N, C-alpha and C. Protein backbone atom coordinates (compact mmCIF):
# COMPACT_ATOMS: atom_id res chain seq x y z
N MET A 1 0.84 -1.19 0.00
CA MET A 1 0.00 0.00 0.00
C MET A 1 0.88 1.24 0.00
N LYS A 2 0.29 2.35 -0.43
CA LYS A 2 1.02 3.62 -0.48
C LYS A 2 0.14 4.71 0.09
N ILE A 3 0.68 5.46 1.04
CA ILE A 3 -0.06 6.55 1.65
C ILE A 3 0.37 7.86 0.99
N ILE A 4 -0.60 8.63 0.51
CA ILE A 4 -0.30 9.92 -0.12
C ILE A 4 -1.15 11.01 0.53
N GLU A 5 -0.80 12.25 0.26
CA GLU A 5 -1.56 13.38 0.78
C GLU A 5 -2.48 13.94 -0.30
N PRO A 6 -3.57 14.58 0.09
CA PRO A 6 -4.48 15.16 -0.90
C PRO A 6 -3.81 16.30 -1.66
N SER A 7 -4.30 16.57 -2.86
CA SER A 7 -3.73 17.64 -3.67
C SER A 7 -4.78 18.11 -4.68
N PHE A 8 -4.43 19.15 -5.42
CA PHE A 8 -5.35 19.65 -6.45
C PHE A 8 -4.54 20.36 -7.53
N GLU A 9 -5.17 20.53 -8.68
CA GLU A 9 -4.56 21.25 -9.80
C GLU A 9 -5.66 22.01 -10.53
N ILE A 10 -5.50 23.31 -10.67
CA ILE A 10 -6.44 24.11 -11.44
C ILE A 10 -6.15 23.89 -12.91
N LEU A 11 -7.14 23.39 -13.64
CA LEU A 11 -6.93 23.00 -15.03
C LEU A 11 -7.26 24.11 -16.02
N THR A 12 -8.01 25.11 -15.57
CA THR A 12 -8.51 26.15 -16.47
C THR A 12 -7.72 27.45 -16.30
N PRO A 13 -6.93 27.85 -17.29
CA PRO A 13 -6.28 29.16 -17.20
C PRO A 13 -7.34 30.26 -17.33
N PHE A 14 -7.28 31.25 -16.44
CA PHE A 14 -8.33 32.28 -16.45
C PHE A 14 -8.17 33.23 -17.63
N ASN A 15 -6.92 33.60 -17.93
CA ASN A 15 -6.60 34.42 -19.10
C ASN A 15 -7.56 35.60 -19.30
N GLU A 16 -8.40 35.51 -20.35
CA GLU A 16 -9.28 36.64 -20.70
C GLU A 16 -10.62 36.58 -19.97
N GLY A 17 -10.71 35.75 -18.94
CA GLY A 17 -11.98 35.57 -18.24
C GLY A 17 -12.56 36.84 -17.67
N ILE A 18 -11.69 37.71 -17.15
CA ILE A 18 -12.19 38.94 -16.54
C ILE A 18 -12.83 39.85 -17.58
N PHE A 19 -12.29 39.85 -18.81
CA PHE A 19 -12.88 40.66 -19.88
C PHE A 19 -14.21 40.06 -20.35
N HIS A 20 -14.30 38.74 -20.31
CA HIS A 20 -15.56 38.09 -20.68
C HIS A 20 -16.65 38.46 -19.67
N LEU A 21 -16.29 38.42 -18.39
CA LEU A 21 -17.27 38.80 -17.37
C LEU A 21 -17.66 40.27 -17.51
N GLU A 22 -16.69 41.11 -17.82
CA GLU A 22 -16.98 42.53 -18.01
C GLU A 22 -17.97 42.73 -19.16
N ALA A 23 -17.74 42.03 -20.27
CA ALA A 23 -18.63 42.17 -21.42
C ALA A 23 -20.05 41.73 -21.07
N CYS A 24 -20.15 40.66 -20.30
CA CYS A 24 -21.48 40.18 -19.88
C CYS A 24 -22.15 41.20 -18.97
N ALA A 25 -21.38 41.75 -18.04
CA ALA A 25 -21.95 42.73 -17.10
C ALA A 25 -22.39 43.99 -17.82
N ARG A 26 -21.60 44.48 -18.78
CA ARG A 26 -21.92 45.73 -19.47
C ARG A 26 -23.17 45.59 -20.34
N THR A 27 -23.52 44.37 -20.67
CA THR A 27 -24.77 44.14 -21.41
C THR A 27 -25.96 44.65 -20.59
N CYS A 28 -25.86 44.47 -19.27
CA CYS A 28 -26.97 44.88 -18.40
C CYS A 28 -27.12 46.40 -18.35
N TYR A 29 -26.00 47.11 -18.49
CA TYR A 29 -26.02 48.57 -18.30
C TYR A 29 -25.81 49.34 -19.61
N LYS A 30 -25.57 48.62 -20.71
CA LYS A 30 -25.31 49.23 -22.01
C LYS A 30 -24.19 50.27 -21.92
N SER A 31 -23.15 49.91 -21.18
CA SER A 31 -22.00 50.80 -21.05
C SER A 31 -20.84 50.25 -21.87
N GLU A 32 -19.85 51.08 -22.10
CA GLU A 32 -18.72 50.69 -22.96
C GLU A 32 -17.48 50.43 -22.12
N SER A 33 -16.63 49.56 -22.63
CA SER A 33 -15.37 49.24 -21.96
C SER A 33 -14.22 50.02 -22.61
N ASP A 34 -13.23 50.39 -21.77
CA ASP A 34 -12.06 51.02 -22.34
C ASP A 34 -10.94 50.00 -22.60
N GLY A 35 -11.23 48.72 -22.33
CA GLY A 35 -10.30 47.66 -22.66
C GLY A 35 -9.18 47.42 -21.67
N THR A 36 -9.20 48.12 -20.53
CA THR A 36 -8.15 47.90 -19.55
C THR A 36 -8.62 46.91 -18.48
N GLN A 37 -7.67 46.12 -17.98
CA GLN A 37 -8.01 45.10 -16.98
C GLN A 37 -8.50 45.73 -15.68
N GLU A 38 -7.90 46.85 -15.29
CA GLU A 38 -8.30 47.49 -14.04
C GLU A 38 -9.75 47.97 -14.08
N LYS A 39 -10.16 48.54 -15.23
CA LYS A 39 -11.55 48.99 -15.35
C LYS A 39 -12.49 47.78 -15.32
N ALA A 40 -12.06 46.69 -15.93
CA ALA A 40 -12.86 45.46 -15.91
C ALA A 40 -13.03 44.96 -14.48
N LYS A 41 -11.93 44.96 -13.72
CA LYS A 41 -11.98 44.51 -12.32
C LYS A 41 -12.85 45.43 -11.48
N ASP A 42 -12.74 46.73 -11.72
CA ASP A 42 -13.56 47.69 -10.97
C ASP A 42 -15.05 47.42 -11.16
N LEU A 43 -15.43 47.15 -12.41
CA LEU A 43 -16.84 46.88 -12.68
C LEU A 43 -17.30 45.59 -11.97
N ILE A 44 -16.47 44.55 -12.04
CA ILE A 44 -16.83 43.29 -11.39
C ILE A 44 -16.94 43.48 -9.88
N ARG A 45 -16.03 44.25 -9.30
CA ARG A 45 -16.11 44.51 -7.86
C ARG A 45 -17.43 45.20 -7.51
N LYS A 46 -17.83 46.16 -8.31
CA LYS A 46 -19.06 46.91 -8.03
C LYS A 46 -20.29 46.01 -8.10
N ILE A 47 -20.35 45.17 -9.13
CA ILE A 47 -21.54 44.32 -9.24
C ILE A 47 -21.55 43.25 -8.15
N MET A 48 -20.36 42.81 -7.71
CA MET A 48 -20.30 41.83 -6.62
C MET A 48 -20.81 42.46 -5.32
N LYS A 49 -20.45 43.73 -5.08
CA LYS A 49 -20.91 44.42 -3.88
C LYS A 49 -22.43 44.56 -3.88
N ARG A 50 -23.01 44.70 -5.05
CA ARG A 50 -24.47 44.81 -5.16
C ARG A 50 -25.17 43.46 -5.06
N GLY A 51 -24.39 42.40 -5.00
CA GLY A 51 -24.98 41.05 -4.95
C GLY A 51 -25.44 40.56 -6.30
N HIS A 52 -24.95 41.20 -7.36
CA HIS A 52 -25.34 40.83 -8.73
C HIS A 52 -24.45 39.69 -9.24
N GLU A 53 -24.47 38.56 -8.52
CA GLU A 53 -23.52 37.47 -8.79
C GLU A 53 -23.90 36.61 -9.99
N SER A 54 -25.08 36.81 -10.54
CA SER A 54 -25.46 36.01 -11.71
C SER A 54 -24.49 36.27 -12.87
N VAL A 55 -23.89 37.46 -12.90
CA VAL A 55 -22.96 37.80 -13.98
C VAL A 55 -21.76 36.86 -13.98
N ILE A 56 -21.26 36.46 -12.81
CA ILE A 56 -20.05 35.64 -12.77
C ILE A 56 -20.33 34.16 -13.06
N GLU A 57 -21.58 33.85 -13.37
CA GLU A 57 -21.89 32.49 -13.81
C GLU A 57 -21.41 32.24 -15.24
N HIS A 58 -21.00 33.28 -15.93
CA HIS A 58 -20.62 33.15 -17.34
C HIS A 58 -19.21 32.61 -17.54
N VAL A 59 -18.47 32.43 -16.46
CA VAL A 59 -17.12 31.84 -16.55
C VAL A 59 -17.05 30.63 -15.63
N SER A 60 -16.56 29.52 -16.15
CA SER A 60 -16.40 28.30 -15.36
C SER A 60 -14.93 27.96 -15.19
N MET A 61 -14.63 27.23 -14.12
CA MET A 61 -13.27 26.80 -13.85
C MET A 61 -13.26 25.32 -13.50
N SER A 62 -12.24 24.61 -13.95
CA SER A 62 -12.11 23.18 -13.70
C SER A 62 -10.91 22.91 -12.79
N VAL A 63 -11.11 22.00 -11.83
CA VAL A 63 -10.05 21.62 -10.90
C VAL A 63 -9.99 20.10 -10.80
N ARG A 64 -8.78 19.55 -10.89
CA ARG A 64 -8.57 18.12 -10.62
C ARG A 64 -8.20 17.98 -9.15
N ILE A 65 -8.99 17.21 -8.42
CA ILE A 65 -8.80 17.05 -6.98
C ILE A 65 -8.40 15.60 -6.69
N VAL A 66 -7.35 15.42 -5.93
CA VAL A 66 -6.94 14.11 -5.44
C VAL A 66 -7.28 14.07 -3.96
N CYS A 67 -8.21 13.18 -3.60
CA CYS A 67 -8.68 13.12 -2.21
C CYS A 67 -9.14 11.70 -1.93
N ASP A 68 -9.71 11.48 -0.75
CA ASP A 68 -10.24 10.13 -0.51
C ASP A 68 -11.70 10.05 -0.95
N ARG A 69 -12.21 8.83 -1.03
CA ARG A 69 -13.57 8.64 -1.54
C ARG A 69 -14.60 9.34 -0.67
N GLY A 70 -14.36 9.38 0.65
CA GLY A 70 -15.31 10.04 1.54
C GLY A 70 -15.46 11.51 1.23
N VAL A 71 -14.34 12.20 1.00
CA VAL A 71 -14.39 13.61 0.67
C VAL A 71 -15.06 13.81 -0.69
N SER A 72 -14.77 12.92 -1.64
CA SER A 72 -15.38 13.06 -2.97
C SER A 72 -16.90 12.94 -2.91
N HIS A 73 -17.41 12.15 -1.97
CA HIS A 73 -18.86 12.03 -1.84
C HIS A 73 -19.49 13.36 -1.40
N GLU A 74 -18.75 14.14 -0.62
CA GLU A 74 -19.24 15.46 -0.22
C GLU A 74 -19.14 16.45 -1.38
N ILE A 75 -18.06 16.35 -2.14
CA ILE A 75 -17.87 17.29 -3.26
C ILE A 75 -19.01 17.18 -4.26
N VAL A 76 -19.41 15.95 -4.61
CA VAL A 76 -20.42 15.78 -5.66
C VAL A 76 -21.82 16.16 -5.20
N ARG A 77 -21.99 16.54 -3.95
CA ARG A 77 -23.28 17.05 -3.49
C ARG A 77 -23.55 18.45 -4.02
N HIS A 78 -22.52 19.10 -4.53
CA HIS A 78 -22.72 20.43 -5.13
C HIS A 78 -23.32 20.23 -6.52
N ARG A 79 -24.58 20.56 -6.67
CA ARG A 79 -25.34 20.16 -7.84
C ARG A 79 -25.05 20.98 -9.09
N LEU A 80 -24.70 22.24 -8.92
CA LEU A 80 -24.48 23.10 -10.09
C LEU A 80 -23.03 22.97 -10.55
N ALA A 81 -22.64 21.76 -10.87
CA ALA A 81 -21.26 21.48 -11.29
C ALA A 81 -21.26 20.21 -12.13
N SER A 82 -20.16 20.02 -12.86
CA SER A 82 -19.98 18.80 -13.65
C SER A 82 -18.79 18.04 -13.09
N TYR A 83 -18.86 16.71 -13.15
CA TYR A 83 -17.83 15.88 -12.53
C TYR A 83 -17.39 14.75 -13.45
N SER A 84 -16.10 14.44 -13.38
CA SER A 84 -15.55 13.23 -13.99
C SER A 84 -14.65 12.61 -12.94
N GLN A 85 -14.97 11.38 -12.54
CA GLN A 85 -14.26 10.77 -11.42
C GLN A 85 -13.68 9.41 -11.78
N GLU A 86 -12.53 9.14 -11.20
CA GLU A 86 -11.89 7.83 -11.31
C GLU A 86 -12.89 6.73 -10.91
N SER A 87 -13.04 5.73 -11.75
CA SER A 87 -14.07 4.71 -11.54
C SER A 87 -13.49 3.46 -10.89
N THR A 88 -14.03 3.10 -9.74
CA THR A 88 -13.60 1.85 -9.10
C THR A 88 -14.21 0.63 -9.79
N ARG A 89 -15.18 0.86 -10.68
CA ARG A 89 -15.73 -0.26 -11.45
C ARG A 89 -14.75 -0.73 -12.50
N TYR A 90 -14.05 0.22 -13.13
CA TYR A 90 -13.22 -0.10 -14.29
C TYR A 90 -11.72 -0.04 -14.02
N CYS A 91 -11.31 0.70 -12.99
CA CYS A 91 -9.88 0.75 -12.64
C CYS A 91 -9.51 -0.51 -11.85
N ASN A 92 -8.56 -1.25 -12.36
CA ASN A 92 -8.11 -2.48 -11.70
C ASN A 92 -6.87 -2.15 -10.88
N TYR A 93 -7.04 -1.97 -9.58
CA TYR A 93 -5.92 -1.60 -8.72
C TYR A 93 -4.95 -2.75 -8.49
N GLY A 94 -5.38 -3.95 -8.86
CA GLY A 94 -4.49 -5.10 -8.74
C GLY A 94 -3.34 -5.04 -9.73
N LYS A 95 -3.48 -4.22 -10.77
CA LYS A 95 -2.42 -4.09 -11.77
C LYS A 95 -1.35 -3.10 -11.32
N GLU A 96 -1.62 -2.37 -10.25
CA GLU A 96 -0.66 -1.41 -9.75
C GLU A 96 0.22 -2.06 -8.69
N ASP A 97 1.40 -1.48 -8.48
CA ASP A 97 2.29 -2.02 -7.45
C ASP A 97 1.70 -1.88 -6.06
N HIS A 98 1.00 -0.77 -5.84
CA HIS A 98 0.42 -0.52 -4.53
C HIS A 98 -0.91 0.20 -4.70
N ILE A 99 -1.87 -0.13 -3.85
CA ILE A 99 -3.11 0.64 -3.81
C ILE A 99 -2.83 1.90 -2.99
N LYS A 100 -3.31 3.05 -3.47
CA LYS A 100 -3.06 4.32 -2.80
C LYS A 100 -4.20 4.68 -1.86
N PHE A 101 -3.83 5.14 -0.68
CA PHE A 101 -4.79 5.62 0.31
C PHE A 101 -4.38 7.03 0.74
N ILE A 102 -5.39 7.85 1.04
CA ILE A 102 -5.13 9.23 1.46
C ILE A 102 -4.88 9.27 2.97
N LYS A 103 -3.83 9.95 3.34
CA LYS A 103 -3.49 10.09 4.76
C LYS A 103 -4.52 10.98 5.45
N PRO A 104 -5.21 10.48 6.48
CA PRO A 104 -6.16 11.33 7.21
C PRO A 104 -5.41 12.42 7.97
N CYS A 105 -5.87 13.64 7.87
CA CYS A 105 -5.16 14.76 8.49
C CYS A 105 -5.16 14.68 10.01
N PHE A 106 -6.10 13.91 10.59
CA PHE A 106 -6.14 13.81 12.05
C PHE A 106 -5.19 12.74 12.57
N PHE A 107 -4.42 12.07 11.69
CA PHE A 107 -3.36 11.15 12.10
C PHE A 107 -2.02 11.63 11.52
N PRO A 108 -1.51 12.76 11.97
CA PRO A 108 -0.31 13.35 11.37
C PRO A 108 0.94 12.48 11.49
N GLU A 109 0.94 11.56 12.45
CA GLU A 109 2.12 10.73 12.67
C GLU A 109 2.28 9.60 11.66
N LEU A 110 1.27 9.39 10.82
CA LEU A 110 1.36 8.33 9.80
C LEU A 110 2.45 8.66 8.79
N PRO A 111 3.16 7.65 8.31
CA PRO A 111 4.21 7.89 7.31
C PRO A 111 3.60 8.16 5.94
N ILE A 112 4.36 8.84 5.09
CA ILE A 112 3.99 9.08 3.70
C ILE A 112 4.83 8.16 2.82
N GLY A 113 4.21 7.59 1.81
CA GLY A 113 4.95 6.72 0.89
C GLY A 113 4.53 5.28 1.01
N VAL A 114 5.37 4.38 0.52
CA VAL A 114 5.06 2.95 0.50
C VAL A 114 5.21 2.36 1.90
N CYS A 115 4.20 1.61 2.32
CA CYS A 115 4.24 0.92 3.61
C CYS A 115 4.04 -0.58 3.36
N VAL A 116 4.76 -1.41 4.08
CA VAL A 116 4.63 -2.86 3.94
C VAL A 116 4.34 -3.46 5.30
N PRO A 117 3.54 -4.53 5.37
CA PRO A 117 3.15 -5.11 6.66
C PRO A 117 4.33 -5.60 7.48
N GLU A 118 5.44 -5.93 6.82
CA GLU A 118 6.58 -6.48 7.53
C GLU A 118 7.31 -5.46 8.39
N ASP A 119 7.09 -4.17 8.11
CA ASP A 119 7.75 -3.13 8.89
C ASP A 119 7.13 -3.01 10.27
N ASP A 120 7.88 -2.41 11.18
CA ASP A 120 7.42 -2.26 12.56
C ASP A 120 6.77 -0.89 12.74
N TYR A 121 5.46 -0.89 13.01
CA TYR A 121 4.74 0.37 13.19
C TYR A 121 4.25 0.51 14.63
N THR A 122 4.93 -0.16 15.56
CA THR A 122 4.50 -0.13 16.96
C THR A 122 4.63 1.25 17.59
N TYR A 123 5.38 2.13 16.96
CA TYR A 123 5.56 3.49 17.48
C TYR A 123 4.30 4.34 17.29
N LEU A 124 3.38 3.88 16.44
CA LEU A 124 2.18 4.66 16.15
C LEU A 124 1.18 4.57 17.29
N PRO A 125 0.45 5.65 17.57
CA PRO A 125 -0.66 5.58 18.54
C PRO A 125 -1.70 4.55 18.07
N ASP A 126 -2.51 4.09 19.00
CA ASP A 126 -3.45 3.00 18.71
C ASP A 126 -4.36 3.31 17.53
N ALA A 127 -4.92 4.53 17.49
CA ALA A 127 -5.87 4.86 16.42
C ALA A 127 -5.18 4.84 15.06
N SER A 128 -3.99 5.42 14.96
CA SER A 128 -3.26 5.42 13.70
C SER A 128 -2.87 4.01 13.29
N HIS A 129 -2.46 3.22 14.25
CA HIS A 129 -2.07 1.84 13.96
C HIS A 129 -3.26 1.04 13.46
N THR A 130 -4.43 1.27 14.06
CA THR A 130 -5.64 0.57 13.62
C THR A 130 -5.99 0.95 12.19
N TRP A 131 -5.90 2.25 11.87
CA TRP A 131 -6.19 2.69 10.49
C TRP A 131 -5.22 2.03 9.52
N LEU A 132 -3.93 2.04 9.84
CA LEU A 132 -2.93 1.47 8.95
C LEU A 132 -3.18 -0.02 8.74
N SER A 133 -3.50 -0.72 9.81
CA SER A 133 -3.79 -2.15 9.72
C SER A 133 -4.99 -2.41 8.83
N SER A 134 -6.00 -1.56 8.94
CA SER A 134 -7.20 -1.72 8.11
C SER A 134 -6.89 -1.54 6.64
N MET A 135 -6.01 -0.61 6.32
CA MET A 135 -5.64 -0.39 4.92
C MET A 135 -4.85 -1.59 4.37
N PHE A 136 -3.98 -2.16 5.21
CA PHE A 136 -3.24 -3.35 4.79
C PHE A 136 -4.20 -4.48 4.43
N PHE A 137 -5.19 -4.70 5.31
CA PHE A 137 -6.16 -5.78 5.08
C PHE A 137 -7.02 -5.50 3.85
N ALA A 138 -7.39 -4.22 3.65
CA ALA A 138 -8.21 -3.86 2.50
C ALA A 138 -7.47 -4.18 1.20
N GLU A 139 -6.20 -3.80 1.13
CA GLU A 139 -5.40 -4.08 -0.06
C GLU A 139 -5.26 -5.59 -0.27
N LYS A 140 -4.96 -6.31 0.80
CA LYS A 140 -4.79 -7.76 0.70
C LYS A 140 -6.07 -8.44 0.25
N ASP A 141 -7.20 -8.04 0.84
CA ASP A 141 -8.48 -8.67 0.51
C ASP A 141 -8.93 -8.33 -0.91
N TYR A 142 -8.68 -7.09 -1.33
CA TYR A 142 -9.02 -6.69 -2.71
C TYR A 142 -8.26 -7.56 -3.71
N ASN A 143 -6.96 -7.68 -3.52
CA ASN A 143 -6.15 -8.49 -4.43
C ASN A 143 -6.55 -9.97 -4.39
N LYS A 144 -6.93 -10.42 -3.20
CA LYS A 144 -7.36 -11.82 -3.07
C LYS A 144 -8.65 -12.06 -3.85
N MET A 145 -9.56 -11.11 -3.82
CA MET A 145 -10.81 -11.26 -4.56
C MET A 145 -10.54 -11.30 -6.06
N LEU A 146 -9.60 -10.48 -6.53
CA LEU A 146 -9.24 -10.52 -7.95
C LEU A 146 -8.65 -11.88 -8.31
N GLU A 147 -7.80 -12.41 -7.44
CA GLU A 147 -7.19 -13.72 -7.68
C GLU A 147 -8.24 -14.82 -7.73
N ASN A 148 -9.33 -14.62 -6.99
CA ASN A 148 -10.41 -15.62 -6.95
C ASN A 148 -11.43 -15.42 -8.07
N GLY A 149 -11.09 -14.57 -9.04
CA GLY A 149 -11.94 -14.43 -10.22
C GLY A 149 -12.93 -13.29 -10.19
N CYS A 150 -12.90 -12.47 -9.15
CA CYS A 150 -13.82 -11.33 -9.08
C CYS A 150 -13.37 -10.23 -10.04
N SER A 151 -14.32 -9.49 -10.56
CA SER A 151 -14.02 -8.33 -11.39
C SER A 151 -13.71 -7.15 -10.48
N PRO A 152 -13.07 -6.10 -11.01
CA PRO A 152 -12.81 -4.91 -10.19
C PRO A 152 -14.07 -4.34 -9.54
N GLN A 153 -15.20 -4.35 -10.26
CA GLN A 153 -16.42 -3.78 -9.69
C GLN A 153 -16.96 -4.64 -8.55
N GLU A 154 -16.58 -5.90 -8.51
CA GLU A 154 -16.97 -6.76 -7.38
C GLU A 154 -15.98 -6.63 -6.23
N ALA A 155 -14.71 -6.59 -6.57
CA ALA A 155 -13.67 -6.51 -5.54
C ALA A 155 -13.68 -5.17 -4.81
N ARG A 156 -14.18 -4.13 -5.46
CA ARG A 156 -14.15 -2.80 -4.84
C ARG A 156 -14.97 -2.74 -3.56
N SER A 157 -15.84 -3.71 -3.33
CA SER A 157 -16.71 -3.69 -2.15
C SER A 157 -15.92 -3.75 -0.84
N VAL A 158 -14.66 -4.16 -0.88
CA VAL A 158 -13.87 -4.23 0.35
C VAL A 158 -12.99 -2.99 0.53
N LEU A 159 -13.04 -2.05 -0.42
CA LEU A 159 -12.19 -0.88 -0.34
C LEU A 159 -12.84 0.19 0.55
N PRO A 160 -12.04 0.92 1.34
CA PRO A 160 -12.58 1.88 2.32
C PRO A 160 -12.71 3.30 1.76
N ASN A 161 -13.30 4.17 2.58
CA ASN A 161 -13.43 5.58 2.21
C ASN A 161 -12.07 6.25 2.03
N SER A 162 -11.04 5.71 2.65
CA SER A 162 -9.71 6.31 2.55
C SER A 162 -9.02 6.05 1.22
N LEU A 163 -9.65 5.25 0.36
CA LEU A 163 -9.08 4.99 -0.97
C LEU A 163 -8.88 6.30 -1.71
N LYS A 164 -7.71 6.46 -2.33
CA LYS A 164 -7.44 7.65 -3.14
C LYS A 164 -8.32 7.65 -4.37
N THR A 165 -8.85 8.82 -4.71
CA THR A 165 -9.60 8.99 -5.94
C THR A 165 -9.22 10.32 -6.58
N GLU A 166 -9.41 10.42 -7.88
CA GLU A 166 -9.22 11.69 -8.59
C GLU A 166 -10.57 12.10 -9.17
N ILE A 167 -10.89 13.36 -8.99
CA ILE A 167 -12.15 13.86 -9.51
C ILE A 167 -11.94 15.26 -10.09
N VAL A 168 -12.45 15.47 -11.30
CA VAL A 168 -12.41 16.79 -11.92
C VAL A 168 -13.77 17.45 -11.70
N MET A 169 -13.73 18.63 -11.11
CA MET A 169 -14.95 19.40 -10.86
C MET A 169 -14.91 20.67 -11.70
N THR A 170 -15.97 20.89 -12.45
CA THR A 170 -16.11 22.12 -13.24
C THR A 170 -17.36 22.84 -12.77
N ALA A 171 -17.20 24.11 -12.40
CA ALA A 171 -18.34 24.90 -11.94
C ALA A 171 -18.13 26.36 -12.33
N ASN A 172 -19.23 27.09 -12.44
CA ASN A 172 -19.07 28.52 -12.70
C ASN A 172 -18.59 29.22 -11.43
N CYS A 173 -18.12 30.43 -11.58
CA CYS A 173 -17.47 31.11 -10.46
C CYS A 173 -18.42 31.38 -9.30
N ARG A 174 -19.69 31.56 -9.61
CA ARG A 174 -20.66 31.77 -8.52
C ARG A 174 -20.79 30.50 -7.67
N GLU A 175 -20.81 29.35 -8.32
CA GLU A 175 -20.91 28.09 -7.59
C GLU A 175 -19.63 27.81 -6.82
N TRP A 176 -18.47 28.18 -7.37
CA TRP A 176 -17.21 28.02 -6.62
C TRP A 176 -17.24 28.86 -5.36
N ARG A 177 -17.81 30.05 -5.43
CA ARG A 177 -17.92 30.89 -4.23
C ARG A 177 -18.77 30.19 -3.18
N HIS A 178 -19.87 29.61 -3.62
CA HIS A 178 -20.74 28.86 -2.70
C HIS A 178 -19.98 27.68 -2.11
N PHE A 179 -19.25 26.95 -2.95
CA PHE A 179 -18.45 25.81 -2.50
C PHE A 179 -17.47 26.22 -1.41
N PHE A 180 -16.74 27.31 -1.64
CA PHE A 180 -15.71 27.72 -0.68
C PHE A 180 -16.32 28.23 0.62
N ARG A 181 -17.46 28.92 0.53
CA ARG A 181 -18.09 29.38 1.76
C ARG A 181 -18.45 28.20 2.67
N LEU A 182 -18.95 27.13 2.08
CA LEU A 182 -19.36 25.96 2.85
C LEU A 182 -18.18 25.10 3.28
N ARG A 183 -17.25 24.85 2.37
CA ARG A 183 -16.24 23.80 2.59
C ARG A 183 -14.97 24.28 3.27
N THR A 184 -14.83 25.61 3.47
CA THR A 184 -13.69 26.11 4.25
C THR A 184 -14.10 26.50 5.66
N ALA A 185 -15.38 26.40 5.96
CA ALA A 185 -15.89 26.82 7.26
C ALA A 185 -15.49 25.84 8.37
N LYS A 186 -15.56 26.31 9.61
CA LYS A 186 -15.21 25.47 10.75
C LYS A 186 -16.05 24.21 10.83
N ALA A 187 -17.31 24.31 10.39
CA ALA A 187 -18.22 23.18 10.48
C ALA A 187 -17.95 22.10 9.44
N ALA A 188 -17.11 22.41 8.44
CA ALA A 188 -16.81 21.43 7.38
C ALA A 188 -15.95 20.30 7.95
N HIS A 189 -16.00 19.15 7.29
CA HIS A 189 -15.17 18.02 7.71
C HIS A 189 -13.70 18.40 7.63
N PRO A 190 -12.87 18.00 8.61
CA PRO A 190 -11.46 18.38 8.60
C PRO A 190 -10.73 18.03 7.30
N GLN A 191 -11.06 16.86 6.71
CA GLN A 191 -10.38 16.49 5.47
C GLN A 191 -10.87 17.31 4.28
N MET A 192 -12.10 17.80 4.36
CA MET A 192 -12.60 18.70 3.33
C MET A 192 -11.92 20.05 3.45
N ARG A 193 -11.81 20.57 4.67
CA ARG A 193 -11.11 21.83 4.88
C ARG A 193 -9.66 21.74 4.42
N GLU A 194 -9.05 20.58 4.63
CA GLU A 194 -7.65 20.39 4.27
C GLU A 194 -7.40 20.64 2.79
N ILE A 195 -8.38 20.30 1.95
CA ILE A 195 -8.21 20.50 0.50
C ILE A 195 -8.86 21.82 0.05
N ALA A 196 -9.98 22.19 0.66
CA ALA A 196 -10.72 23.37 0.21
C ALA A 196 -10.01 24.69 0.54
N ARG A 197 -9.35 24.75 1.67
CA ARG A 197 -8.70 26.00 2.06
C ARG A 197 -7.52 26.37 1.15
N PRO A 198 -6.60 25.45 0.87
CA PRO A 198 -5.55 25.82 -0.09
C PRO A 198 -6.09 26.06 -1.50
N MET A 199 -7.20 25.39 -1.85
CA MET A 199 -7.83 25.67 -3.14
C MET A 199 -8.33 27.10 -3.20
N LEU A 200 -8.99 27.54 -2.13
CA LEU A 200 -9.47 28.92 -2.07
C LEU A 200 -8.30 29.89 -2.18
N ASP A 201 -7.21 29.62 -1.48
CA ASP A 201 -6.03 30.49 -1.56
C ASP A 201 -5.52 30.58 -3.01
N ALA A 202 -5.54 29.44 -3.71
CA ALA A 202 -5.09 29.43 -5.11
C ALA A 202 -6.04 30.22 -6.00
N PHE A 203 -7.35 30.11 -5.76
CA PHE A 203 -8.34 30.87 -6.52
C PHE A 203 -8.17 32.37 -6.25
N LYS A 204 -7.88 32.72 -5.00
CA LYS A 204 -7.66 34.13 -4.68
C LYS A 204 -6.45 34.67 -5.41
N ASN A 205 -5.42 33.87 -5.49
CA ASN A 205 -4.20 34.29 -6.19
C ASN A 205 -4.45 34.45 -7.69
N LEU A 206 -5.31 33.57 -8.23
CA LEU A 206 -5.59 33.59 -9.67
C LEU A 206 -6.58 34.69 -10.05
N VAL A 207 -7.66 34.79 -9.27
CA VAL A 207 -8.71 35.78 -9.57
C VAL A 207 -9.14 36.47 -8.27
N PRO A 208 -8.29 37.33 -7.71
CA PRO A 208 -8.62 37.94 -6.42
C PRO A 208 -9.93 38.71 -6.41
N VAL A 209 -10.28 39.35 -7.52
CA VAL A 209 -11.49 40.16 -7.55
C VAL A 209 -12.75 39.34 -7.28
N LEU A 210 -12.70 38.05 -7.57
CA LEU A 210 -13.87 37.20 -7.39
C LEU A 210 -13.90 36.47 -6.04
N PHE A 211 -12.76 36.33 -5.38
CA PHE A 211 -12.71 35.45 -4.21
C PHE A 211 -12.09 36.08 -2.95
N ASP A 212 -11.55 37.28 -3.06
CA ASP A 212 -10.87 37.88 -1.91
C ASP A 212 -11.76 38.12 -0.70
N ASP A 213 -13.05 38.21 -0.89
CA ASP A 213 -13.95 38.52 0.23
C ASP A 213 -14.35 37.26 1.00
N ILE A 214 -13.91 36.10 0.56
CA ILE A 214 -14.25 34.85 1.26
C ILE A 214 -13.06 34.48 2.15
N ASN A 215 -13.30 34.40 3.45
CA ASN A 215 -12.22 34.14 4.40
C ASN A 215 -12.56 32.98 5.32
N TYR A 216 -11.53 32.42 5.90
CA TYR A 216 -11.73 31.34 6.88
C TYR A 216 -10.78 31.57 8.06
N GLU A 217 -11.11 30.94 9.18
CA GLU A 217 -10.29 31.08 10.39
C GLU A 217 -9.45 29.83 10.61
C-alpha cells in the first residue's frame, strides 16, 4: 500500500476571463469598456458588492482534486457542477504495485509513501495503527478477490473511504464561491477543509477580484 496526501490542480487558465465577465456585465447597463483590466476589475467589484452574482456564472473553472472517496462524496453534493471521477468499477488496482490511500489529516504521525506489513509500526498511537492495519487488510483482501476471479467492480466492495480517488470538478465562479463558503468553514469536515482552504487560496491568487472577500479562520 502507499499513503499519499491530498492535492489539487487548477486545469482552467483564467486568461481573458475577466474581460468576458466585463462584457457580460456591461450588457446589463449598455456601457462601454475602455479595454483595460483594471476597469474590468472595478466593474466586477461593483456588481459583486451589489450582490449581482449572476454575472459571474458566465465563466467556469475546472479543478482536478486528489482526495479520498469520503471527501469526494461530499464534493459531488454540489449540484451546479460537472464531474468526472476515477471509476472503481473499471480501474483495476491489482495491476498497480500498490493501492493508494489518502493520509487522514487527524493522524499526522502516519508515514507518507510505500508501507509494507513487515515493517514495525508499533511506534504509532493505537488509532493510527488501527487505520494502517485496516488499509493493509483492504489491499490484501481486494487483491485476493481478484485472484479468486472477481471483477474490479466486485472486488471494490472491500475498499474503504480512505481509498485515493481523482475527480475533476467544473463549476461557474458563482458556484465556486458557494463551494468555498461551505467547505472552508469550521463546520466542514477536517479532510474537506484540508483541501478546500488551499484551493481557495489558489483561486484568490488567480482571480482575487472574485474570491478575496471569502475568508476562513
